[in-house]
Amino acid sequence: MPVDGERVINPAMHHINIKTTKLQEMIDWYGLVLGAKVNFQNPIVAFISNDRANHRIALLAVPGLHDDPQKFVHAGLHHTAFEYASFADLMSTYARLKKAGIEPQY
């Protein structure tokens, strides 16, 4: 909230960081869905991007991490969204991903 008429600066989101037990599967998924490429990877982290940024998505697979079977009732990241330049681009991507067996879930 602006205070005393101060201007709010609206920065662009630079990246998200996702903890995962499936590092390579996440790299592959974001590569297929967003065209993301790996800019850096070691056994516990991968920085991926689909533009000129060093990373838009950081994937972190720290040792000892485990999947949460109750994740749907716990607080945490619900989803991320990406913007397309046009509806035609969105629908073209939907058709490409549907052929690959990926469809939206709700």
N, C-alpha and C. Protein backbone atom coordinates (compact mmCIF):
# COMPACT_ATOMS: atom_id res chain seq x y z
N MET A 1 0.83 -1.18 0.00
CA MET A 1 0.00 0.00 0.00
C MET A 1 0.88 1.25 0.00
N PRO A 2 0.59 2.20 -0.87
CA PRO A 2 1.34 3.44 -0.84
C PRO A 2 1.07 4.20 0.46
N VAL A 3 2.10 4.82 0.96
CA VAL A 3 1.97 5.62 2.19
C VAL A 3 2.23 7.08 1.83
N ASP A 4 1.33 7.96 2.25
CA ASP A 4 1.49 9.40 2.04
C ASP A 4 1.76 9.75 0.58
N GLY A 5 1.07 9.11 -0.35
CA GLY A 5 1.20 9.44 -1.76
C GLY A 5 2.47 8.94 -2.42
N GLU A 6 3.24 8.09 -1.75
CA GLU A 6 4.44 7.55 -2.37
C GLU A 6 4.08 6.69 -3.57
N ARG A 7 4.91 6.76 -4.59
CA ARG A 7 4.70 5.97 -5.80
C ARG A 7 5.10 4.52 -5.55
N VAL A 8 4.26 3.59 -5.98
CA VAL A 8 4.57 2.16 -5.87
C VAL A 8 5.36 1.76 -7.10
N ILE A 9 6.52 1.16 -6.89
CA ILE A 9 7.34 0.65 -7.99
C ILE A 9 6.92 -0.79 -8.22
N ASN A 10 6.56 -1.13 -9.45
CA ASN A 10 6.09 -2.47 -9.79
C ASN A 10 7.19 -3.24 -10.51
N PRO A 11 8.00 -3.99 -9.76
CA PRO A 11 9.06 -4.77 -10.41
C PRO A 11 8.47 -5.98 -11.13
N ALA A 12 9.17 -6.43 -12.16
CA ALA A 12 8.80 -7.68 -12.83
C ALA A 12 9.30 -8.85 -11.98
N MET A 13 8.56 -9.93 -11.95
CA MET A 13 9.03 -11.10 -11.23
C MET A 13 10.25 -11.66 -11.96
N HIS A 14 11.33 -11.90 -11.25
CA HIS A 14 12.54 -12.42 -11.88
C HIS A 14 12.54 -13.95 -11.92
N HIS A 15 12.26 -14.60 -10.79
CA HIS A 15 12.30 -16.07 -10.80
C HIS A 15 11.49 -16.62 -9.63
N ILE A 16 11.23 -17.90 -9.71
CA ILE A 16 10.65 -18.65 -8.61
C ILE A 16 11.63 -19.76 -8.26
N ASN A 17 11.57 -20.22 -7.02
CA ASN A 17 12.42 -21.32 -6.56
C ASN A 17 11.50 -22.43 -6.07
N ILE A 18 11.67 -23.60 -6.62
CA ILE A 18 10.83 -24.74 -6.28
C ILE A 18 11.68 -25.85 -5.70
N LYS A 19 11.30 -26.33 -4.52
CA LYS A 19 11.98 -27.50 -3.94
C LYS A 19 11.33 -28.75 -4.55
N THR A 20 12.16 -29.74 -4.87
CA THR A 20 11.64 -30.93 -5.54
C THR A 20 12.46 -32.17 -5.19
N THR A 21 11.81 -33.31 -5.23
CA THR A 21 12.50 -34.59 -5.12
C THR A 21 12.73 -35.20 -6.51
N LYS A 22 12.29 -34.49 -7.54
CA LYS A 22 12.34 -34.99 -8.92
C LYS A 22 13.03 -33.97 -9.83
N LEU A 23 14.30 -33.71 -9.57
CA LEU A 23 15.02 -32.66 -10.28
C LEU A 23 14.97 -32.84 -11.80
N GLN A 24 15.39 -33.99 -12.28
CA GLN A 24 15.45 -34.18 -13.74
C GLN A 24 14.06 -34.16 -14.37
N GLU A 25 13.07 -34.73 -13.69
CA GLU A 25 11.72 -34.72 -14.22
C GLU A 25 11.18 -33.29 -14.34
N MET A 26 11.51 -32.44 -13.37
CA MET A 26 11.08 -31.03 -13.42
C MET A 26 11.80 -30.29 -14.55
N ILE A 27 13.09 -30.55 -14.72
CA ILE A 27 13.83 -29.94 -15.82
C ILE A 27 13.19 -30.33 -17.15
N ASP A 28 12.90 -31.61 -17.30
CA ASP A 28 12.29 -32.10 -18.54
C ASP A 28 10.91 -31.48 -18.77
N TRP A 29 10.09 -31.39 -17.71
CA TRP A 29 8.73 -30.86 -17.83
C TRP A 29 8.76 -29.39 -18.25
N TYR A 30 9.54 -28.57 -17.56
CA TYR A 30 9.60 -27.15 -17.91
C TYR A 30 10.26 -26.95 -19.28
N GLY A 31 11.14 -27.86 -19.67
CA GLY A 31 11.70 -27.79 -21.01
C GLY A 31 10.63 -28.03 -22.06
N LEU A 32 9.80 -29.03 -21.86
CA LEU A 32 8.73 -29.34 -22.80
C LEU A 32 7.65 -28.27 -22.80
N VAL A 33 7.21 -27.85 -21.63
CA VAL A 33 6.08 -26.93 -21.53
C VAL A 33 6.47 -25.50 -21.89
N LEU A 34 7.61 -25.01 -21.39
CA LEU A 34 7.98 -23.61 -21.57
C LEU A 34 9.17 -23.38 -22.50
N GLY A 35 9.80 -24.46 -22.93
CA GLY A 35 11.01 -24.29 -23.73
C GLY A 35 12.19 -23.85 -22.90
N ALA A 36 12.16 -24.13 -21.59
CA ALA A 36 13.24 -23.72 -20.69
C ALA A 36 14.48 -24.58 -20.93
N LYS A 37 15.62 -23.94 -20.84
CA LYS A 37 16.91 -24.62 -21.00
C LYS A 37 17.70 -24.47 -19.70
N VAL A 38 18.53 -25.46 -19.42
CA VAL A 38 19.37 -25.43 -18.23
C VAL A 38 20.55 -24.50 -18.46
N ASN A 39 20.71 -23.53 -17.56
CA ASN A 39 21.87 -22.63 -17.61
C ASN A 39 22.93 -23.03 -16.60
N PHE A 40 22.53 -23.75 -15.56
CA PHE A 40 23.46 -24.28 -14.57
C PHE A 40 22.79 -25.45 -13.89
N GLN A 41 23.57 -26.51 -13.62
CA GLN A 41 23.02 -27.65 -12.89
C GLN A 41 24.14 -28.36 -12.15
N ASN A 42 23.82 -28.78 -10.93
CA ASN A 42 24.66 -29.70 -10.18
C ASN A 42 23.72 -30.71 -9.52
N PRO A 43 24.18 -31.60 -8.68
CA PRO A 43 23.27 -32.62 -8.14
C PRO A 43 22.11 -32.10 -7.29
N ILE A 44 22.19 -30.85 -6.79
CA ILE A 44 21.10 -30.38 -5.93
C ILE A 44 20.36 -29.15 -6.44
N VAL A 45 20.82 -28.54 -7.52
CA VAL A 45 20.14 -27.34 -8.02
C VAL A 45 20.24 -27.26 -9.53
N ALA A 46 19.21 -26.67 -10.13
CA ALA A 46 19.24 -26.37 -11.56
C ALA A 46 18.64 -25.00 -11.76
N PHE A 47 19.30 -24.16 -12.55
CA PHE A 47 18.78 -22.85 -12.93
C PHE A 47 18.34 -22.96 -14.38
N ILE A 48 17.06 -22.72 -14.65
CA ILE A 48 16.53 -22.86 -16.00
C ILE A 48 15.82 -21.57 -16.41
N SER A 49 15.78 -21.34 -17.72
CA SER A 49 15.16 -20.13 -18.24
C SER A 49 14.73 -20.36 -19.67
N ASN A 50 13.70 -19.61 -20.09
CA ASN A 50 13.28 -19.65 -21.49
C ASN A 50 13.51 -18.29 -22.15
N ASP A 51 14.35 -17.48 -21.54
CA ASP A 51 14.74 -16.21 -22.14
C ASP A 51 16.20 -15.93 -21.78
N ARG A 52 16.62 -14.68 -21.82
CA ARG A 52 18.03 -14.35 -21.63
C ARG A 52 18.45 -14.28 -20.16
N ALA A 53 17.50 -14.42 -19.24
CA ALA A 53 17.83 -14.36 -17.82
C ALA A 53 18.65 -15.58 -17.42
N ASN A 54 19.49 -15.40 -16.42
CA ASN A 54 20.27 -16.51 -15.88
C ASN A 54 19.35 -17.65 -15.45
N HIS A 55 18.24 -17.29 -14.80
CA HIS A 55 17.23 -18.29 -14.46
C HIS A 55 15.90 -17.60 -14.19
N ARG A 56 14.83 -18.23 -14.59
CA ARG A 56 13.47 -17.82 -14.24
C ARG A 56 12.90 -18.81 -13.23
N ILE A 57 13.42 -20.04 -13.28
CA ILE A 57 13.00 -21.07 -12.34
C ILE A 57 14.26 -21.71 -11.76
N ALA A 58 14.34 -21.72 -10.44
CA ALA A 58 15.41 -22.42 -9.74
C ALA A 58 14.79 -23.67 -9.13
N LEU A 59 15.36 -24.81 -9.41
CA LEU A 59 14.88 -26.08 -8.87
C LEU A 59 15.89 -26.57 -7.85
N LEU A 60 15.42 -26.82 -6.64
CA LEU A 60 16.29 -27.16 -5.53
C LEU A 60 15.94 -28.55 -5.02
N ALA A 61 16.90 -29.46 -5.06
CA ALA A 61 16.69 -30.85 -4.62
C ALA A 61 17.68 -31.16 -3.50
N VAL A 62 17.45 -30.56 -2.34
CA VAL A 62 18.38 -30.74 -1.22
C VAL A 62 18.28 -32.16 -0.66
N PRO A 63 19.38 -32.72 -0.20
CA PRO A 63 19.35 -34.06 0.39
C PRO A 63 18.38 -34.12 1.57
N GLY A 64 17.68 -35.23 1.69
CA GLY A 64 16.74 -35.43 2.79
C GLY A 64 15.34 -34.91 2.52
N LEU A 65 15.15 -34.21 1.42
CA LEU A 65 13.83 -33.70 1.07
C LEU A 65 12.92 -34.88 0.74
N HIS A 66 11.66 -34.80 1.13
CA HIS A 66 10.72 -35.86 0.79
C HIS A 66 9.38 -35.26 0.37
N ASP A 67 8.64 -36.00 -0.42
CA ASP A 67 7.32 -35.56 -0.88
C ASP A 67 6.34 -35.58 0.28
N ASP A 68 5.39 -34.66 0.26
CA ASP A 68 4.39 -34.51 1.31
C ASP A 68 3.09 -35.15 0.83
N PRO A 69 2.70 -36.29 1.39
CA PRO A 69 1.46 -36.94 0.95
C PRO A 69 0.21 -36.11 1.28
N GLN A 70 0.33 -35.14 2.18
CA GLN A 70 -0.79 -34.28 2.56
C GLN A 70 -0.68 -32.88 1.94
N LYS A 71 0.05 -32.74 0.82
CA LYS A 71 0.33 -31.42 0.27
C LYS A 71 -0.92 -30.61 -0.07
N PHE A 72 -2.01 -31.25 -0.37
CA PHE A 72 -3.21 -30.50 -0.75
C PHE A 72 -3.89 -29.82 0.43
N VAL A 73 -3.57 -30.20 1.65
CA VAL A 73 -4.16 -29.55 2.81
C VAL A 73 -3.15 -28.69 3.57
N HIS A 74 -1.95 -28.55 3.03
CA HIS A 74 -0.92 -27.72 3.65
C HIS A 74 -0.72 -26.44 2.85
N ALA A 75 -0.31 -25.40 3.53
CA ALA A 75 0.00 -24.15 2.84
C ALA A 75 1.25 -24.33 1.98
N GLY A 76 1.31 -23.59 0.90
CA GLY A 76 2.46 -23.63 0.02
C GLY A 76 2.10 -23.06 -1.34
N LEU A 77 3.00 -23.12 -2.26
CA LEU A 77 2.76 -22.62 -3.61
C LEU A 77 1.63 -23.42 -4.24
N HIS A 78 0.63 -22.74 -4.72
CA HIS A 78 -0.50 -23.42 -5.36
C HIS A 78 -0.25 -23.58 -6.86
N HIS A 79 0.17 -22.51 -7.53
CA HIS A 79 0.47 -22.61 -8.95
C HIS A 79 1.26 -21.40 -9.40
N THR A 80 1.79 -21.49 -10.59
CA THR A 80 2.38 -20.34 -11.27
C THR A 80 1.67 -20.20 -12.60
N ALA A 81 1.70 -19.03 -13.16
CA ALA A 81 1.02 -18.79 -14.44
C ALA A 81 1.98 -18.06 -15.36
N PHE A 82 1.87 -18.34 -16.64
CA PHE A 82 2.71 -17.71 -17.64
C PHE A 82 1.81 -17.04 -18.67
N GLU A 83 2.26 -15.92 -19.18
CA GLU A 83 1.47 -15.10 -20.08
C GLU A 83 1.92 -15.29 -21.52
N TYR A 84 0.97 -15.45 -22.43
CA TYR A 84 1.26 -15.57 -23.86
C TYR A 84 0.89 -14.27 -24.56
N ALA A 85 1.53 -14.01 -25.67
CA ALA A 85 1.31 -12.76 -26.41
C ALA A 85 -0.08 -12.71 -27.04
N SER A 86 -0.66 -13.87 -27.34
CA SER A 86 -1.97 -13.89 -27.97
C SER A 86 -2.72 -15.16 -27.59
N PHE A 87 -4.01 -15.14 -27.80
CA PHE A 87 -4.84 -16.32 -27.57
C PHE A 87 -4.43 -17.45 -28.51
N ALA A 88 -4.08 -17.09 -29.74
CA ALA A 88 -3.63 -18.10 -30.72
C ALA A 88 -2.37 -18.81 -30.22
N ASP A 89 -1.44 -18.08 -29.63
CA ASP A 89 -0.23 -18.69 -29.08
C ASP A 89 -0.58 -19.66 -27.95
N LEU A 90 -1.51 -19.24 -27.09
CA LEU A 90 -1.94 -20.10 -25.98
C LEU A 90 -2.56 -21.38 -26.52
N MET A 91 -3.45 -21.27 -27.49
CA MET A 91 -4.13 -22.45 -28.02
C MET A 91 -3.19 -23.37 -28.79
N SER A 92 -2.22 -22.79 -29.47
CA SER A 92 -1.21 -23.60 -30.16
C SER A 92 -0.39 -24.40 -29.15
N THR A 93 -0.04 -23.76 -28.05
CA THR A 93 0.71 -24.44 -26.99
C THR A 93 -0.15 -25.53 -26.36
N TYR A 94 -1.42 -25.25 -26.12
CA TYR A 94 -2.34 -26.26 -25.57
C TYR A 94 -2.37 -27.49 -26.49
N ALA A 95 -2.51 -27.28 -27.79
CA ALA A 95 -2.56 -28.40 -28.74
C ALA A 95 -1.25 -29.20 -28.72
N ARG A 96 -0.11 -28.51 -28.68
CA ARG A 96 1.19 -29.19 -28.65
C ARG A 96 1.34 -30.02 -27.39
N LEU A 97 0.96 -29.46 -26.24
CA LEU A 97 1.10 -30.19 -24.99
C LEU A 97 0.09 -31.33 -24.88
N LYS A 98 -1.11 -31.16 -25.43
CA LYS A 98 -2.11 -32.23 -25.41
C LYS A 98 -1.57 -33.45 -26.18
N LYS A 99 -0.91 -33.21 -27.31
CA LYS A 99 -0.29 -34.32 -28.07
C LYS A 99 0.76 -35.05 -27.23
N ALA A 100 1.43 -34.30 -26.33
CA ALA A 100 2.46 -34.88 -25.48
C ALA A 100 1.88 -35.50 -24.20
N GLY A 101 0.53 -35.47 -24.07
CA GLY A 101 -0.13 -36.07 -22.91
C GLY A 101 -0.25 -35.15 -21.71
N ILE A 102 -0.04 -33.86 -21.90
CA ILE A 102 -0.15 -32.90 -20.81
C ILE A 102 -1.40 -32.05 -21.02
N GLU A 103 -2.32 -32.12 -20.07
CA GLU A 103 -3.54 -31.32 -20.11
C GLU A 103 -3.75 -30.64 -18.78
N PRO A 104 -4.40 -29.47 -18.79
CA PRO A 104 -4.64 -28.76 -17.52
C PRO A 104 -5.46 -29.61 -16.54
N GLN A 105 -5.18 -29.42 -15.28
CA GLN A 105 -5.97 -30.06 -14.21
C GLN A 105 -6.54 -28.98 -13.34
N TYR A 106 -7.62 -29.27 -12.69
CA TYR A 106 -8.21 -28.31 -11.77
C TYR A 106 -8.60 -28.99 -10.50
